[in-house]
Amino acid sequence: MPVNIISGIDVSVAGGPKLKIGQSIPVEAYDYVDIAVVDGAADQVVEIQPSTGSGQVQFLLVSASQYAPALSYKVNAAANPPNDLDRPLLLAGSGAIGLLGAAPESLVFSNATGADINVQIIVGRDATP
């Protein structure tokens, strides 16, 4: 039985436009991960979906207790180029997930911020591809 992930974004530009977007994303399964990425961690792997094929992830949210260019993530393998986690990451839909370049099976974190950082991940996916 599908479950709906409901997300909303409220964006205001000072002296400019205000946008409020809400959507419901039906998925067959979801996972919630709450981990500590300790200071000095290098290539800490966090599994986010089974390695059974592409197109399963429909929603990905990565949130942290602190954001900094010294906190980075890679998609799937330590050999891939790193991306700074300098703001929350929210991708919804197969088009947005496709920006990652590969079906995300894991995220690989490194932390050189000088402090431990709590990272929370929500993944919504199809369980029967």
N, C-alpha and C. Protein backbone atom coordinates (compact mmCIF):
# COMPACT_ATOMS: atom_id res chain seq x y z
N MET A 1 0.84 -1.18 0.00
CA MET A 1 0.00 0.00 0.00
C MET A 1 0.89 1.25 0.00
N PRO A 2 0.69 2.14 -0.96
CA PRO A 2 1.53 3.34 -1.02
C PRO A 2 1.36 4.23 0.20
N VAL A 3 2.43 4.94 0.49
CA VAL A 3 2.42 5.95 1.54
C VAL A 3 2.74 7.28 0.85
N ASN A 4 2.21 8.37 1.34
CA ASN A 4 2.48 9.67 0.75
C ASN A 4 3.47 10.43 1.60
N ILE A 5 4.50 10.96 0.96
CA ILE A 5 5.41 11.90 1.60
C ILE A 5 4.92 13.28 1.20
N ILE A 6 4.60 14.08 2.18
CA ILE A 6 4.09 15.42 1.92
C ILE A 6 5.20 16.41 2.22
N SER A 7 5.55 17.21 1.23
CA SER A 7 6.60 18.20 1.42
C SER A 7 6.09 19.56 1.01
N GLY A 8 6.68 20.58 1.60
CA GLY A 8 6.31 21.95 1.27
C GLY A 8 7.53 22.85 1.30
N ILE A 9 7.49 23.83 0.47
CA ILE A 9 8.57 24.81 0.39
C ILE A 9 7.92 26.18 0.40
N ASP A 10 8.44 27.05 1.24
CA ASP A 10 7.95 28.42 1.35
C ASP A 10 9.15 29.33 1.10
N VAL A 11 9.16 30.03 -0.05
CA VAL A 11 10.29 30.85 -0.45
C VAL A 11 9.84 32.30 -0.58
N SER A 12 10.58 33.18 0.07
CA SER A 12 10.31 34.62 -0.04
C SER A 12 11.61 35.34 -0.36
N VAL A 13 11.54 36.24 -1.33
CA VAL A 13 12.67 37.09 -1.67
C VAL A 13 12.35 38.47 -1.13
N ALA A 14 13.26 39.06 -0.34
CA ALA A 14 13.02 40.38 0.23
C ALA A 14 12.70 41.37 -0.90
N GLY A 15 11.53 41.97 -0.82
CA GLY A 15 11.10 42.92 -1.84
C GLY A 15 10.72 42.27 -3.15
N GLY A 16 10.61 40.96 -3.18
CA GLY A 16 10.32 40.26 -4.43
C GLY A 16 9.22 39.24 -4.27
N PRO A 17 9.27 38.21 -5.08
CA PRO A 17 8.19 37.22 -5.09
C PRO A 17 8.18 36.34 -3.85
N LYS A 18 7.02 35.79 -3.61
CA LYS A 18 6.82 34.80 -2.55
C LYS A 18 6.15 33.59 -3.19
N LEU A 19 6.75 32.44 -2.97
CA LEU A 19 6.21 31.21 -3.54
C LEU A 19 5.98 30.20 -2.43
N LYS A 20 4.85 29.54 -2.50
CA LYS A 20 4.56 28.47 -1.56
C LYS A 20 4.15 27.26 -2.39
N ILE A 21 4.94 26.19 -2.23
CA ILE A 21 4.72 24.99 -3.02
C ILE A 21 4.50 23.81 -2.08
N GLY A 22 3.48 23.06 -2.31
CA GLY A 22 3.22 21.85 -1.54
C GLY A 22 2.92 20.71 -2.48
N GLN A 23 3.38 19.53 -2.10
CA GLN A 23 3.11 18.38 -2.95
C GLN A 23 3.07 17.10 -2.13
N SER A 24 2.39 16.13 -2.68
CA SER A 24 2.31 14.80 -2.09
C SER A 24 2.97 13.83 -3.07
N ILE A 25 3.92 13.06 -2.55
CA ILE A 25 4.67 12.15 -3.40
C ILE A 25 4.37 10.72 -2.96
N PRO A 26 3.64 9.95 -3.77
CA PRO A 26 3.34 8.57 -3.39
C PRO A 26 4.56 7.67 -3.59
N VAL A 27 4.88 6.91 -2.57
CA VAL A 27 5.98 5.94 -2.63
C VAL A 27 5.51 4.64 -1.98
N GLU A 28 6.18 3.56 -2.31
CA GLU A 28 5.83 2.25 -1.73
C GLU A 28 6.56 2.00 -0.42
N ALA A 29 7.71 2.65 -0.24
CA ALA A 29 8.50 2.43 0.97
C ALA A 29 9.30 3.69 1.27
N TYR A 30 9.65 3.86 2.54
CA TYR A 30 10.52 4.96 2.90
C TYR A 30 11.48 4.49 3.98
N ASP A 31 12.60 5.18 4.05
CA ASP A 31 13.59 4.91 5.09
C ASP A 31 13.96 6.22 5.73
N TYR A 32 14.23 6.17 7.02
CA TYR A 32 14.67 7.33 7.78
C TYR A 32 15.99 6.95 8.45
N VAL A 33 17.01 7.75 8.22
CA VAL A 33 18.33 7.50 8.78
C VAL A 33 18.71 8.73 9.60
N ASP A 34 19.16 8.51 10.82
CA ASP A 34 19.63 9.58 11.70
C ASP A 34 21.00 9.14 12.21
N ILE A 35 22.05 9.78 11.70
CA ILE A 35 23.41 9.34 12.03
C ILE A 35 24.27 10.51 12.50
N ALA A 36 25.33 10.19 13.21
CA ALA A 36 26.34 11.17 13.56
C ALA A 36 27.51 10.99 12.60
N VAL A 37 27.90 12.07 11.97
CA VAL A 37 29.11 12.07 11.15
C VAL A 37 30.15 12.80 12.01
N VAL A 38 31.02 12.03 12.62
CA VAL A 38 31.97 12.59 13.59
C VAL A 38 33.03 13.42 12.87
N ASP A 39 33.55 14.41 13.59
CA ASP A 39 34.61 15.23 13.05
C ASP A 39 35.78 14.33 12.65
N GLY A 40 36.30 14.55 11.48
CA GLY A 40 37.41 13.74 10.98
C GLY A 40 36.97 12.53 10.19
N ALA A 41 35.66 12.27 10.13
CA ALA A 41 35.18 11.12 9.35
C ALA A 41 35.55 11.31 7.89
N ALA A 42 35.98 10.23 7.27
CA ALA A 42 36.33 10.26 5.85
C ALA A 42 35.66 9.07 5.17
N ASP A 43 34.82 9.35 4.23
CA ASP A 43 34.14 8.31 3.44
C ASP A 43 33.31 7.36 4.29
N GLN A 44 32.46 7.93 5.16
CA GLN A 44 31.52 7.15 5.97
C GLN A 44 30.32 6.80 5.09
N VAL A 45 30.11 5.52 4.83
CA VAL A 45 29.07 5.05 3.92
C VAL A 45 27.74 4.89 4.65
N VAL A 46 26.67 5.43 4.04
CA VAL A 46 25.31 5.28 4.56
C VAL A 46 24.45 4.70 3.43
N GLU A 47 23.99 3.47 3.62
CA GLU A 47 23.14 2.82 2.61
C GLU A 47 21.75 3.47 2.63
N ILE A 48 21.23 3.81 1.43
CA ILE A 48 19.91 4.44 1.38
C ILE A 48 18.88 3.67 0.56
N GLN A 49 19.31 2.65 -0.18
CA GLN A 49 18.35 1.79 -0.87
C GLN A 49 19.04 0.51 -1.31
N PRO A 50 18.27 -0.55 -1.52
CA PRO A 50 18.86 -1.79 -2.02
C PRO A 50 19.45 -1.56 -3.41
N SER A 51 20.44 -2.32 -3.75
CA SER A 51 21.08 -2.17 -5.06
C SER A 51 20.39 -3.03 -6.10
N THR A 52 19.11 -2.80 -6.28
CA THR A 52 18.34 -3.64 -7.20
C THR A 52 17.95 -2.93 -8.48
N GLY A 53 18.45 -1.74 -8.71
CA GLY A 53 18.14 -1.09 -9.98
C GLY A 53 17.89 0.39 -9.84
N SER A 54 17.87 1.04 -10.98
CA SER A 54 17.68 2.48 -10.98
C SER A 54 16.19 2.82 -11.03
N GLY A 55 15.92 4.08 -10.78
CA GLY A 55 14.55 4.57 -10.88
C GLY A 55 13.69 4.32 -9.66
N GLN A 56 14.24 3.75 -8.60
CA GLN A 56 13.44 3.47 -7.43
C GLN A 56 13.25 4.69 -6.53
N VAL A 57 14.29 5.49 -6.33
CA VAL A 57 14.20 6.63 -5.42
C VAL A 57 13.38 7.73 -6.08
N GLN A 58 12.36 8.19 -5.38
CA GLN A 58 11.50 9.26 -5.85
C GLN A 58 11.58 10.51 -4.98
N PHE A 59 12.21 10.37 -3.81
CA PHE A 59 12.31 11.49 -2.86
C PHE A 59 13.57 11.31 -2.04
N LEU A 60 14.33 12.39 -1.89
CA LEU A 60 15.54 12.35 -1.07
C LEU A 60 15.68 13.67 -0.33
N LEU A 61 15.75 13.60 0.98
CA LEU A 61 16.00 14.77 1.81
C LEU A 61 17.21 14.48 2.68
N VAL A 62 18.21 15.37 2.64
CA VAL A 62 19.38 15.27 3.50
C VAL A 62 19.46 16.57 4.29
N SER A 63 19.36 16.44 5.59
CA SER A 63 19.36 17.58 6.50
C SER A 63 20.46 17.37 7.52
N ALA A 64 21.05 18.47 8.01
CA ALA A 64 22.14 18.35 8.97
C ALA A 64 21.97 19.36 10.10
N SER A 65 22.59 19.07 11.23
CA SER A 65 22.54 19.99 12.37
C SER A 65 23.41 21.21 12.13
N GLN A 66 24.31 21.13 11.17
CA GLN A 66 25.19 22.23 10.79
C GLN A 66 25.57 22.03 9.33
N TYR A 67 25.67 23.13 8.59
CA TYR A 67 26.06 23.04 7.18
C TYR A 67 27.38 23.78 6.97
N ALA A 68 28.24 23.22 6.15
CA ALA A 68 29.53 23.84 5.89
C ALA A 68 30.16 23.18 4.67
N PRO A 69 30.97 23.93 3.93
CA PRO A 69 31.69 23.31 2.81
C PRO A 69 32.60 22.17 3.26
N ALA A 70 32.98 22.16 4.54
CA ALA A 70 33.85 21.08 5.05
C ALA A 70 33.07 19.81 5.37
N LEU A 71 31.74 19.84 5.21
CA LEU A 71 30.90 18.64 5.31
C LEU A 71 30.52 18.29 3.88
N SER A 72 30.90 17.11 3.43
CA SER A 72 30.62 16.75 2.04
C SER A 72 30.02 15.36 1.93
N TYR A 73 29.41 15.12 0.78
CA TYR A 73 28.86 13.80 0.49
C TYR A 73 29.19 13.43 -0.95
N LYS A 74 29.23 12.15 -1.19
CA LYS A 74 29.41 11.59 -2.53
C LYS A 74 28.26 10.63 -2.75
N VAL A 75 27.90 10.42 -4.00
CA VAL A 75 26.83 9.49 -4.32
C VAL A 75 27.45 8.15 -4.71
N ASN A 76 27.13 7.11 -3.97
CA ASN A 76 27.44 5.71 -4.23
C ASN A 76 28.86 5.24 -3.93
N ALA A 77 29.87 5.99 -4.23
CA ALA A 77 31.23 5.44 -4.05
C ALA A 77 32.20 6.52 -3.61
N ALA A 78 33.14 6.10 -2.79
CA ALA A 78 34.16 7.02 -2.31
C ALA A 78 34.97 7.62 -3.45
N ALA A 79 35.02 6.94 -4.60
CA ALA A 79 35.80 7.42 -5.74
C ALA A 79 35.09 8.54 -6.51
N ASN A 80 33.79 8.74 -6.27
CA ASN A 80 33.05 9.79 -6.97
C ASN A 80 33.42 11.16 -6.42
N PRO A 81 33.21 12.22 -7.20
CA PRO A 81 33.56 13.56 -6.72
C PRO A 81 32.64 13.99 -5.56
N PRO A 82 33.21 14.73 -4.60
CA PRO A 82 32.40 15.16 -3.45
C PRO A 82 31.56 16.39 -3.77
N ASN A 83 30.46 16.53 -3.04
CA ASN A 83 29.59 17.70 -3.10
C ASN A 83 29.50 18.27 -1.70
N ASP A 84 29.62 19.59 -1.56
CA ASP A 84 29.48 20.22 -0.25
C ASP A 84 28.03 20.11 0.22
N LEU A 85 27.86 19.77 1.49
CA LEU A 85 26.52 19.83 2.09
C LEU A 85 26.46 21.15 2.86
N ASP A 86 26.28 22.23 2.09
CA ASP A 86 26.28 23.57 2.67
C ASP A 86 24.87 24.13 2.87
N ARG A 87 23.87 23.35 2.50
CA ARG A 87 22.45 23.67 2.70
C ARG A 87 21.70 22.35 2.69
N PRO A 88 20.43 22.34 3.14
CA PRO A 88 19.65 21.10 3.03
C PRO A 88 19.53 20.69 1.56
N LEU A 89 19.49 19.39 1.33
CA LEU A 89 19.33 18.85 -0.01
C LEU A 89 17.95 18.21 -0.11
N LEU A 90 17.13 18.67 -1.05
CA LEU A 90 15.80 18.11 -1.26
C LEU A 90 15.62 17.87 -2.75
N LEU A 91 15.42 16.60 -3.11
CA LEU A 91 15.16 16.22 -4.49
C LEU A 91 13.88 15.40 -4.52
N ALA A 92 12.96 15.78 -5.39
CA ALA A 92 11.69 15.06 -5.49
C ALA A 92 11.38 14.78 -6.95
N GLY A 93 11.09 13.52 -7.26
CA GLY A 93 10.77 13.11 -8.61
C GLY A 93 11.98 12.53 -9.32
N SER A 94 11.71 11.71 -10.32
CA SER A 94 12.80 11.03 -11.02
C SER A 94 13.70 12.01 -11.77
N GLY A 95 13.14 13.12 -12.26
CA GLY A 95 13.97 14.11 -12.95
C GLY A 95 15.00 14.74 -12.03
N ALA A 96 14.57 15.12 -10.83
CA ALA A 96 15.49 15.72 -9.85
C ALA A 96 16.50 14.68 -9.36
N ILE A 97 16.05 13.47 -9.07
CA ILE A 97 16.96 12.42 -8.61
C ILE A 97 17.99 12.13 -9.70
N GLY A 98 17.59 12.24 -10.96
CA GLY A 98 18.50 12.01 -12.08
C GLY A 98 19.67 12.98 -12.11
N LEU A 99 19.54 14.13 -11.46
CA LEU A 99 20.65 15.09 -11.39
C LEU A 99 21.85 14.51 -10.64
N LEU A 100 21.63 13.48 -9.83
CA LEU A 100 22.73 12.87 -9.10
C LEU A 100 23.66 12.07 -10.01
N GLY A 101 23.19 11.78 -11.23
CA GLY A 101 24.04 11.10 -12.20
C GLY A 101 23.94 9.59 -12.17
N ALA A 102 23.56 9.03 -11.05
CA ALA A 102 23.41 7.57 -10.92
C ALA A 102 22.33 7.30 -9.89
N ALA A 103 21.71 6.15 -9.99
CA ALA A 103 20.70 5.78 -8.99
C ALA A 103 21.37 5.74 -7.63
N PRO A 104 20.92 6.55 -6.68
CA PRO A 104 21.59 6.58 -5.37
C PRO A 104 21.30 5.33 -4.55
N GLU A 105 22.35 4.60 -4.24
CA GLU A 105 22.24 3.43 -3.37
C GLU A 105 22.83 3.75 -2.01
N SER A 106 23.81 4.65 -1.99
CA SER A 106 24.43 5.07 -0.73
C SER A 106 24.91 6.50 -0.86
N LEU A 107 25.08 7.13 0.29
CA LEU A 107 25.74 8.43 0.38
C LEU A 107 26.99 8.24 1.22
N VAL A 108 28.07 8.88 0.84
CA VAL A 108 29.35 8.72 1.50
C VAL A 108 29.76 10.09 2.05
N PHE A 109 29.81 10.21 3.38
CA PHE A 109 30.05 11.49 4.04
C PHE A 109 31.48 11.64 4.53
N SER A 110 31.97 12.88 4.48
CA SER A 110 33.24 13.26 5.10
C SER A 110 33.00 14.54 5.88
N ASN A 111 33.66 14.66 7.03
CA ASN A 111 33.44 15.81 7.90
C ASN A 111 34.78 16.36 8.40
N ALA A 112 35.11 17.58 7.96
CA ALA A 112 36.33 18.25 8.43
C ALA A 112 35.96 19.61 9.03
N THR A 113 34.81 19.67 9.72
CA THR A 113 34.30 20.94 10.24
C THR A 113 34.87 21.31 11.60
N GLY A 114 35.43 20.35 12.32
CA GLY A 114 35.88 20.61 13.68
C GLY A 114 34.85 20.23 14.72
N ALA A 115 33.70 19.71 14.28
CA ALA A 115 32.63 19.30 15.21
C ALA A 115 31.87 18.12 14.64
N ASP A 116 31.32 17.29 15.53
CA ASP A 116 30.43 16.22 15.08
C ASP A 116 29.15 16.84 14.53
N ILE A 117 28.58 16.24 13.50
CA ILE A 117 27.36 16.75 12.88
C ILE A 117 26.34 15.63 12.75
N ASN A 118 25.11 15.93 13.16
CA ASN A 118 24.01 14.98 13.03
C ASN A 118 23.39 15.15 11.64
N VAL A 119 23.25 14.05 10.92
CA VAL A 119 22.67 14.08 9.58
C VAL A 119 21.42 13.20 9.58
N GLN A 120 20.35 13.75 9.02
CA GLN A 120 19.09 13.01 8.89
C GLN A 120 18.76 12.88 7.41
N ILE A 121 18.36 11.67 7.03
CA ILE A 121 18.05 11.37 5.64
C ILE A 121 16.68 10.71 5.58
N ILE A 122 15.84 11.19 4.67
CA ILE A 122 14.58 10.52 4.36
C ILE A 122 14.61 10.15 2.88
N VAL A 123 14.38 8.89 2.59
CA VAL A 123 14.34 8.38 1.22
C VAL A 123 12.98 7.76 0.98
N GLY A 124 12.32 8.17 -0.08
CA GLY A 124 11.07 7.53 -0.51
C GLY A 124 11.35 6.83 -1.82
N ARG A 125 10.90 5.57 -1.91
CA ARG A 125 11.25 4.80 -3.11
C ARG A 125 10.15 3.80 -3.46
N ASP A 126 10.25 3.30 -4.68
CA ASP A 126 9.40 2.19 -5.11
C ASP A 126 10.06 0.91 -4.63
N ALA A 127 9.28 0.03 -4.07
CA ALA A 127 9.82 -1.24 -3.54
C ALA A 127 9.66 -2.37 -4.56
N THR A 128 8.85 -2.17 -5.57
CA THR A 128 8.62 -3.19 -6.58
C THR A 128 8.88 -2.59 -7.96
N PRO A 129 10.18 -2.44 -8.32
CA PRO A 129 10.51 -1.79 -9.60
C PRO A 129 10.07 -2.60 -10.80
